[in-house]
ModelCIF file with pLDDT and N, C-alpha, C, O atoms, coordinates in Angstrom:
data_MODEL
#
_entry.id   MODEL 
#
_entity.id                         1 
_entity.type                       polymer 
_entity.pdbx_number_of_molecules   1 
#
_entity_poly.entity_id                      1 
_entity_poly.type                           'polypeptide(L)' 
_entity_poly.nstd_linkage                   no 
_entity_poly.nstd_monomer                   no 
_entity_poly.pdbx_seq_one_letter_code       HWDKHRKAFELERLYNENAAQIKCQVVGGIKD 
_entity_poly.pdbx_seq_one_letter_code_can   HWDKHRKAFELERLYNENAAQIKCQVVGGIKD 
_entity_poly.pdbx_strand_id                 A 
#
loop_
_entity_poly_seq.entity_id 
_entity_poly_seq.num 
_entity_poly_seq.mon_id 
_entity_poly_seq.hetero 
1 1  HIS n 
1 2  TRP n 
1 3  ASP n 
1 4  LYS n 
1 5  HIS n 
1 6  ARG n 
1 7  LYS n 
1 8  ALA n 
1 9  PHE n 
1 10 GLU n 
1 11 LEU n 
1 12 GLU n 
1 13 ARG n 
1 14 LEU n 
1 15 TYR n 
1 16 ASN n 
1 17 GLU n 
1 18 ASN n 
1 19 ALA n 
1 20 ALA n 
1 21 GLN n 
1 22 ILE n 
1 23 LYS n 
1 24 CYS n 
1 25 GLN n 
1 26 VAL n 
1 27 VAL n 
1 28 GLY n 
1 29 GLY n 
1 30 ILE n 
1 31 LYS n 
1 32 ASP n 
#
_struct_asym.id          A 
_struct_asym.entity_id   1 
#
loop_
_ma_qa_metric.id 
_ma_qa_metric.mode 
_ma_qa_metric.name 
_ma_qa_metric.software_group_id 
_ma_qa_metric.type 
1 global pLDDT . pLDDT 
2 local  pLDDT . pLDDT 
#
_ma_qa_metric_global.metric_id      1 
_ma_qa_metric_global.metric_value   69.50 
_ma_qa_metric_global.model_id       1 
_ma_qa_metric_global.ordinal_id     1 
#
loop_
_ma_qa_metric_local.label_asym_id 
_ma_qa_metric_local.label_comp_id 
_ma_qa_metric_local.label_seq_id 
_ma_qa_metric_local.metric_id 
_ma_qa_metric_local.metric_value 
_ma_qa_metric_local.model_id 
_ma_qa_metric_local.ordinal_id 
A HIS 1  2 93.00 1 1  
A TRP 2  2 94.00 1 2  
A ASP 3  2 95.00 1 3  
A LYS 4  2 95.00 1 4  
A HIS 5  2 92.00 1 5  
A ARG 6  2 92.00 1 6  
A LYS 7  2 94.00 1 7  
A ALA 8  2 90.00 1 8  
A PHE 9  2 88.00 1 9  
A GLU 10 2 90.00 1 10 
A LEU 11 2 90.00 1 11 
A GLU 12 2 85.00 1 12 
A ARG 13 2 84.00 1 13 
A LEU 14 2 86.00 1 14 
A TYR 15 2 84.00 1 15 
A ASN 16 2 77.00 1 16 
A GLU 17 2 72.00 1 17 
A ASN 18 2 65.00 1 18 
A ALA 19 2 63.00 1 19 
A ALA 20 2 57.00 1 20 
A GLN 21 2 57.00 1 21 
A ILE 22 2 56.00 1 22 
A LYS 23 2 52.00 1 23 
A CYS 24 2 49.00 1 24 
A GLN 25 2 44.00 1 25 
A VAL 26 2 40.00 1 26 
A VAL 27 2 41.00 1 27 
A GLY 28 2 42.00 1 28 
A GLY 29 2 40.00 1 29 
A ILE 30 2 39.00 1 30 
A LYS 31 2 40.00 1 31 
A ASP 32 2 38.00 1 32 
#
loop_
_atom_site.group_PDB 
_atom_site.id 
_atom_site.type_symbol 
_atom_site.label_atom_id 
_atom_site.label_alt_id 
_atom_site.label_comp_id 
_atom_site.label_asym_id 
_atom_site.label_entity_id 
_atom_site.label_seq_id 
_atom_site.pdbx_PDB_ins_code 
_atom_site.Cartn_x 
_atom_site.Cartn_y 
_atom_site.Cartn_z 
_atom_site.occupancy 
_atom_site.B_iso_or_equiv 
_atom_site.pdbx_formal_charge 
_atom_site.auth_seq_id 
_atom_site.auth_comp_id 
_atom_site.auth_asym_id 
_atom_site.auth_atom_id 
_atom_site.pdbx_PDB_model_num 
ATOM 1   N N  . HIS A 1 1  ? 37.834 22.430 49.443 1.00 93.00 ? 1  HIS A N  1 
ATOM 2   C CA . HIS A 1 1  ? 37.821 22.351 50.905 1.00 93.00 ? 1  HIS A CA 1 
ATOM 3   C C  . HIS A 1 1  ? 39.113 22.946 51.481 1.00 93.00 ? 1  HIS A C  1 
ATOM 4   O O  . HIS A 1 1  ? 39.078 23.710 52.446 1.00 93.00 ? 1  HIS A O  1 
ATOM 5   N N  . TRP A 1 2  ? 40.248 22.587 50.880 1.00 94.00 ? 2  TRP A N  1 
ATOM 6   C CA . TRP A 1 2  ? 41.523 23.076 51.389 1.00 94.00 ? 2  TRP A CA 1 
ATOM 7   C C  . TRP A 1 2  ? 41.614 24.598 51.258 1.00 94.00 ? 2  TRP A C  1 
ATOM 8   O O  . TRP A 1 2  ? 42.116 25.270 52.159 1.00 94.00 ? 2  TRP A O  1 
ATOM 9   N N  . ASP A 1 3  ? 41.136 25.133 50.150 1.00 95.00 ? 3  ASP A N  1 
ATOM 10  C CA . ASP A 1 3  ? 41.228 26.569 49.888 1.00 95.00 ? 3  ASP A CA 1 
ATOM 11  C C  . ASP A 1 3  ? 40.253 27.377 50.736 1.00 95.00 ? 3  ASP A C  1 
ATOM 12  O O  . ASP A 1 3  ? 40.589 28.469 51.192 1.00 95.00 ? 3  ASP A O  1 
ATOM 13  N N  . LYS A 1 4  ? 39.053 26.852 50.951 1.00 95.00 ? 4  LYS A N  1 
ATOM 14  C CA . LYS A 1 4  ? 37.982 27.645 51.564 1.00 95.00 ? 4  LYS A CA 1 
ATOM 15  C C  . LYS A 1 4  ? 37.694 27.304 53.020 1.00 95.00 ? 4  LYS A C  1 
ATOM 16  O O  . LYS A 1 4  ? 37.125 28.124 53.741 1.00 95.00 ? 4  LYS A O  1 
ATOM 17  N N  . HIS A 1 5  ? 38.076 26.111 53.463 1.00 92.00 ? 5  HIS A N  1 
ATOM 18  C CA . HIS A 1 5  ? 37.531 25.648 54.739 1.00 92.00 ? 5  HIS A CA 1 
ATOM 19  C C  . HIS A 1 5  ? 38.579 25.287 55.786 1.00 92.00 ? 5  HIS A C  1 
ATOM 20  O O  . HIS A 1 5  ? 38.248 24.662 56.794 1.00 92.00 ? 5  HIS A O  1 
ATOM 21  N N  . ARG A 1 6  ? 39.825 25.666 55.568 1.00 92.00 ? 6  ARG A N  1 
ATOM 22  C CA . ARG A 1 6  ? 40.843 25.389 56.575 1.00 92.00 ? 6  ARG A CA 1 
ATOM 23  C C  . ARG A 1 6  ? 40.585 26.184 57.862 1.00 92.00 ? 6  ARG A C  1 
ATOM 24  O O  . ARG A 1 6  ? 40.889 25.714 58.958 1.00 92.00 ? 6  ARG A O  1 
ATOM 25  N N  . LYS A 1 7  ? 40.032 27.368 57.722 1.00 94.00 ? 7  LYS A N  1 
ATOM 26  C CA . LYS A 1 7  ? 39.778 28.173 58.921 1.00 94.00 ? 7  LYS A CA 1 
ATOM 27  C C  . LYS A 1 7  ? 38.666 27.565 59.764 1.00 94.00 ? 7  LYS A C  1 
ATOM 28  O O  . LYS A 1 7  ? 38.737 27.569 60.993 1.00 94.00 ? 7  LYS A O  1 
ATOM 29  N N  . ALA A 1 8  ? 37.627 27.036 59.093 1.00 90.00 ? 8  ALA A N  1 
ATOM 30  C CA . ALA A 1 8  ? 36.569 26.336 59.836 1.00 90.00 ? 8  ALA A CA 1 
ATOM 31  C C  . ALA A 1 8  ? 37.151 25.113 60.531 1.00 90.00 ? 8  ALA A C  1 
ATOM 32  O O  . ALA A 1 8  ? 36.777 24.782 61.656 1.00 90.00 ? 8  ALA A O  1 
ATOM 33  N N  . PHE A 1 9  ? 38.071 24.451 59.843 1.00 88.00 ? 9  PHE A N  1 
ATOM 34  C CA . PHE A 1 9  ? 38.688 23.280 60.436 1.00 88.00 ? 9  PHE A CA 1 
ATOM 35  C C  . PHE A 1 9  ? 39.588 23.660 61.608 1.00 88.00 ? 9  PHE A C  1 
ATOM 36  O O  . PHE A 1 9  ? 39.618 22.960 62.620 1.00 88.00 ? 9  PHE A O  1 
ATOM 37  N N  . GLU A 1 10 ? 40.318 24.761 61.476 1.00 90.00 ? 10 GLU A N  1 
ATOM 38  C CA . GLU A 1 10 ? 41.175 25.195 62.582 1.00 90.00 ? 10 GLU A CA 1 
ATOM 39  C C  . GLU A 1 10 ? 40.338 25.584 63.791 1.00 90.00 ? 10 GLU A C  1 
ATOM 40  O O  . GLU A 1 10 ? 40.764 25.387 64.929 1.00 90.00 ? 10 GLU A O  1 
ATOM 41  N N  . LEU A 1 11 ? 39.142 26.138 63.553 1.00 90.00 ? 11 LEU A N  1 
ATOM 42  C CA . LEU A 1 11 ? 38.245 26.417 64.673 1.00 90.00 ? 11 LEU A CA 1 
ATOM 43  C C  . LEU A 1 11 ? 37.865 25.117 65.366 1.00 90.00 ? 11 LEU A C  1 
ATOM 44  O O  . LEU A 1 11 ? 37.819 25.053 66.595 1.00 90.00 ? 11 LEU A O  1 
ATOM 45  N N  . GLU A 1 12 ? 37.593 24.083 64.581 1.00 85.00 ? 12 GLU A N  1 
ATOM 46  C CA . GLU A 1 12 ? 37.308 22.765 65.146 1.00 85.00 ? 12 GLU A CA 1 
ATOM 47  C C  . GLU A 1 12 ? 38.483 22.283 65.994 1.00 85.00 ? 12 GLU A C  1 
ATOM 48  O O  . GLU A 1 12 ? 38.283 21.722 67.071 1.00 85.00 ? 12 GLU A O  1 
ATOM 49  N N  . ARG A 1 13 ? 39.699 22.498 65.515 1.00 84.00 ? 13 ARG A N  1 
ATOM 50  C CA . ARG A 1 13 ? 40.887 22.048 66.260 1.00 84.00 ? 13 ARG A CA 1 
ATOM 51  C C  . ARG A 1 13 ? 41.088 22.844 67.547 1.00 84.00 ? 13 ARG A C  1 
ATOM 52  O O  . ARG A 1 13 ? 41.654 22.336 68.515 1.00 84.00 ? 13 ARG A O  1 
ATOM 53  N N  . LEU A 1 14 ? 40.624 24.087 67.554 1.00 86.00 ? 14 LEU A N  1 
ATOM 54  C CA . LEU A 1 14 ? 40.698 24.853 68.791 1.00 86.00 ? 14 LEU A CA 1 
ATOM 55  C C  . LEU A 1 14 ? 39.815 24.231 69.876 1.00 86.00 ? 14 LEU A C  1 
ATOM 56  O O  . LEU A 1 14 ? 40.103 24.325 71.069 1.00 86.00 ? 14 LEU A O  1 
ATOM 57  N N  . TYR A 1 15 ? 38.727 23.590 69.419 1.00 84.00 ? 15 TYR A N  1 
ATOM 58  C CA . TYR A 1 15 ? 37.851 22.882 70.353 1.00 84.00 ? 15 TYR A CA 1 
ATOM 59  C C  . TYR A 1 15 ? 38.324 21.448 70.573 1.00 84.00 ? 15 TYR A C  1 
ATOM 60  O O  . TYR A 1 15 ? 38.249 20.922 71.684 1.00 84.00 ? 15 TYR A O  1 
ATOM 61  N N  . ASN A 1 16 ? 38.820 20.814 69.490 1.00 77.00 ? 16 ASN A N  1 
ATOM 62  C CA . ASN A 1 16 ? 39.147 19.391 69.519 1.00 77.00 ? 16 ASN A CA 1 
ATOM 63  C C  . ASN A 1 16 ? 40.465 19.174 68.792 1.00 77.00 ? 16 ASN A C  1 
ATOM 64  O O  . ASN A 1 16 ? 40.498 19.107 67.564 1.00 77.00 ? 16 ASN A O  1 
ATOM 65  N N  . GLU A 1 17 ? 41.544 19.063 69.547 1.00 72.00 ? 17 GLU A N  1 
ATOM 66  C CA . GLU A 1 17 ? 42.870 18.985 68.940 1.00 72.00 ? 17 GLU A CA 1 
ATOM 67  C C  . GLU A 1 17 ? 43.088 17.697 68.156 1.00 72.00 ? 17 GLU A C  1 
ATOM 68  O O  . GLU A 1 17 ? 44.051 17.598 67.395 1.00 72.00 ? 17 GLU A O  1 
ATOM 69  N N  . ASN A 1 18 ? 42.211 16.705 68.328 1.00 65.00 ? 18 ASN A N  1 
ATOM 70  C CA . ASN A 1 18 ? 42.365 15.442 67.608 1.00 65.00 ? 18 ASN A CA 1 
ATOM 71  C C  . ASN A 1 18 ? 41.709 15.451 66.232 1.00 65.00 ? 18 ASN A C  1 
ATOM 72  O O  . ASN A 1 18 ? 41.878 14.501 65.468 1.00 65.00 ? 18 ASN A O  1 
ATOM 73  N N  . ALA A 1 19 ? 40.961 16.510 65.898 1.00 63.00 ? 19 ALA A N  1 
ATOM 74  C CA . ALA A 1 19 ? 40.329 16.582 64.576 1.00 63.00 ? 19 ALA A CA 1 
ATOM 75  C C  . ALA A 1 19 ? 41.398 16.599 63.499 1.00 63.00 ? 19 ALA A C  1 
ATOM 76  O O  . ALA A 1 19 ? 42.430 17.248 63.667 1.00 63.00 ? 19 ALA A O  1 
ATOM 77  N N  . ALA A 1 20 ? 41.170 15.897 62.395 1.00 57.00 ? 20 ALA A N  1 
ATOM 78  C CA . ALA A 1 20 ? 42.211 15.806 61.363 1.00 57.00 ? 20 ALA A CA 1 
ATOM 79  C C  . ALA A 1 20 ? 41.701 15.874 59.941 1.00 57.00 ? 20 ALA A C  1 
ATOM 80  O O  . ALA A 1 20 ? 42.437 16.317 59.058 1.00 57.00 ? 20 ALA A O  1 
ATOM 81  N N  . GLN A 1 21 ? 40.440 15.444 59.671 1.00 57.00 ? 21 GLN A N  1 
ATOM 82  C CA . GLN A 1 21 ? 40.029 15.355 58.278 1.00 57.00 ? 21 GLN A CA 1 
ATOM 83  C C  . GLN A 1 21 ? 38.528 15.572 58.089 1.00 57.00 ? 21 GLN A C  1 
ATOM 84  O O  . GLN A 1 21 ? 37.738 15.539 59.032 1.00 57.00 ? 21 GLN A O  1 
ATOM 85  N N  . ILE A 1 22 ? 38.179 15.796 56.816 1.00 56.00 ? 22 ILE A N  1 
ATOM 86  C CA . ILE A 1 22 ? 36.779 15.808 56.399 1.00 56.00 ? 22 ILE A CA 1 
ATOM 87  C C  . ILE A 1 22 ? 36.587 14.625 55.469 1.00 56.00 ? 22 ILE A C  1 
ATOM 88  O O  . ILE A 1 22 ? 37.375 14.427 54.543 1.00 56.00 ? 22 ILE A O  1 
ATOM 89  N N  . LYS A 1 23 ? 35.541 13.834 55.708 1.00 52.00 ? 23 LYS A N  1 
ATOM 90  C CA . LYS A 1 23 ? 35.220 12.719 54.824 1.00 52.00 ? 23 LYS A CA 1 
ATOM 91  C C  . LYS A 1 23 ? 34.010 13.100 53.984 1.00 52.00 ? 23 LYS A C  1 
ATOM 92  O O  . LYS A 1 23 ? 32.973 13.484 54.525 1.00 52.00 ? 23 LYS A O  1 
ATOM 93  N N  . CYS A 1 24 ? 34.136 12.997 52.674 1.00 49.00 ? 24 CYS A N  1 
ATOM 94  C CA . CYS A 1 24 ? 33.051 13.380 51.769 1.00 49.00 ? 24 CYS A CA 1 
ATOM 95  C C  . CYS A 1 24 ? 32.448 12.133 51.147 1.00 49.00 ? 24 CYS A C  1 
ATOM 96  O O  . CYS A 1 24 ? 33.152 11.324 50.544 1.00 49.00 ? 24 CYS A O  1 
ATOM 97  N N  . GLN A 1 25 ? 31.133 11.985 51.300 1.00 44.00 ? 25 GLN A N  1 
ATOM 98  C CA . GLN A 1 25 ? 30.469 10.809 50.765 1.00 44.00 ? 25 GLN A CA 1 
ATOM 99  C C  . GLN A 1 25 ? 30.307 10.908 49.254 1.00 44.00 ? 25 GLN A C  1 
ATOM 100 O O  . GLN A 1 25 ? 30.509 11.962 48.651 1.00 44.00 ? 25 GLN A O  1 
ATOM 101 N N  . VAL A 1 26 ? 29.935 9.776  48.662 1.00 40.00 ? 26 VAL A N  1 
ATOM 102 C CA . VAL A 1 26 ? 29.895 9.678  47.201 1.00 40.00 ? 26 VAL A CA 1 
ATOM 103 C C  . VAL A 1 26 ? 29.030 10.743 46.565 1.00 40.00 ? 26 VAL A C  1 
ATOM 104 O O  . VAL A 1 26 ? 29.435 11.346 45.571 1.00 40.00 ? 26 VAL A O  1 
ATOM 105 N N  . VAL A 1 27 ? 27.845 10.994 47.111 1.00 41.00 ? 27 VAL A N  1 
ATOM 106 C CA . VAL A 1 27 ? 26.946 11.945 46.459 1.00 41.00 ? 27 VAL A CA 1 
ATOM 107 C C  . VAL A 1 27 ? 27.169 13.367 46.919 1.00 41.00 ? 27 VAL A C  1 
ATOM 108 O O  . VAL A 1 27 ? 26.420 14.263 46.532 1.00 41.00 ? 27 VAL A O  1 
ATOM 109 N N  . GLY A 1 28 ? 28.185 13.595 47.739 1.00 42.00 ? 28 GLY A N  1 
ATOM 110 C CA . GLY A 1 28 ? 28.527 14.971 48.063 1.00 42.00 ? 28 GLY A CA 1 
ATOM 111 C C  . GLY A 1 28 ? 28.259 15.399 49.483 1.00 42.00 ? 28 GLY A C  1 
ATOM 112 O O  . GLY A 1 28 ? 28.520 16.553 49.825 1.00 42.00 ? 28 GLY A O  1 
ATOM 113 N N  . GLY A 1 29 ? 27.746 14.514 50.335 1.00 40.00 ? 29 GLY A N  1 
ATOM 114 C CA . GLY A 1 29 ? 27.496 14.899 51.707 1.00 40.00 ? 29 GLY A CA 1 
ATOM 115 C C  . GLY A 1 29 ? 28.728 14.687 52.561 1.00 40.00 ? 29 GLY A C  1 
ATOM 116 O O  . GLY A 1 29 ? 29.728 14.135 52.104 1.00 40.00 ? 29 GLY A O  1 
ATOM 117 N N  . ILE A 1 30 ? 28.649 15.128 53.803 1.00 39.00 ? 30 ILE A N  1 
ATOM 118 C CA . ILE A 1 30 ? 29.741 14.880 54.751 1.00 39.00 ? 30 ILE A CA 1 
ATOM 119 C C  . ILE A 1 30 ? 29.306 13.780 55.692 1.00 39.00 ? 30 ILE A C  1 
ATOM 120 O O  . ILE A 1 30 ? 28.177 13.782 56.183 1.00 39.00 ? 30 ILE A O  1 
ATOM 121 N N  . LYS A 1 31 ? 30.190 12.850 55.942 1.00 40.00 ? 31 LYS A N  1 
ATOM 122 C CA . LYS A 1 31 ? 29.876 11.737 56.814 1.00 40.00 ? 31 LYS A CA 1 
ATOM 123 C C  . LYS A 1 31 ? 29.433 12.262 58.173 1.00 40.00 ? 31 LYS A C  1 
ATOM 124 O O  . LYS A 1 31 ? 30.095 13.111 58.770 1.00 40.00 ? 31 LYS A O  1 
ATOM 125 N N  . ASP A 1 32 ? 28.295 11.742 58.657 1.00 38.00 ? 32 ASP A N  1 
ATOM 126 C CA . ASP A 1 32 ? 27.719 12.131 59.941 1.00 38.00 ? 32 ASP A CA 1 
ATOM 127 C C  . ASP A 1 32 ? 27.255 13.587 59.960 1.00 38.00 ? 32 ASP A C  1 
ATOM 128 O O  . ASP A 1 32 ? 26.747 14.060 60.976 1.00 38.00 ? 32 ASP A O  1 
#
């Protein structure tokens, strides 16, 4: 996630400056 998805996350922060993390569920999904 850190290597491949920081840019997607930074895009999220451009929309929502309070975004901070990705939560990964036990079987591999993303929360919500």
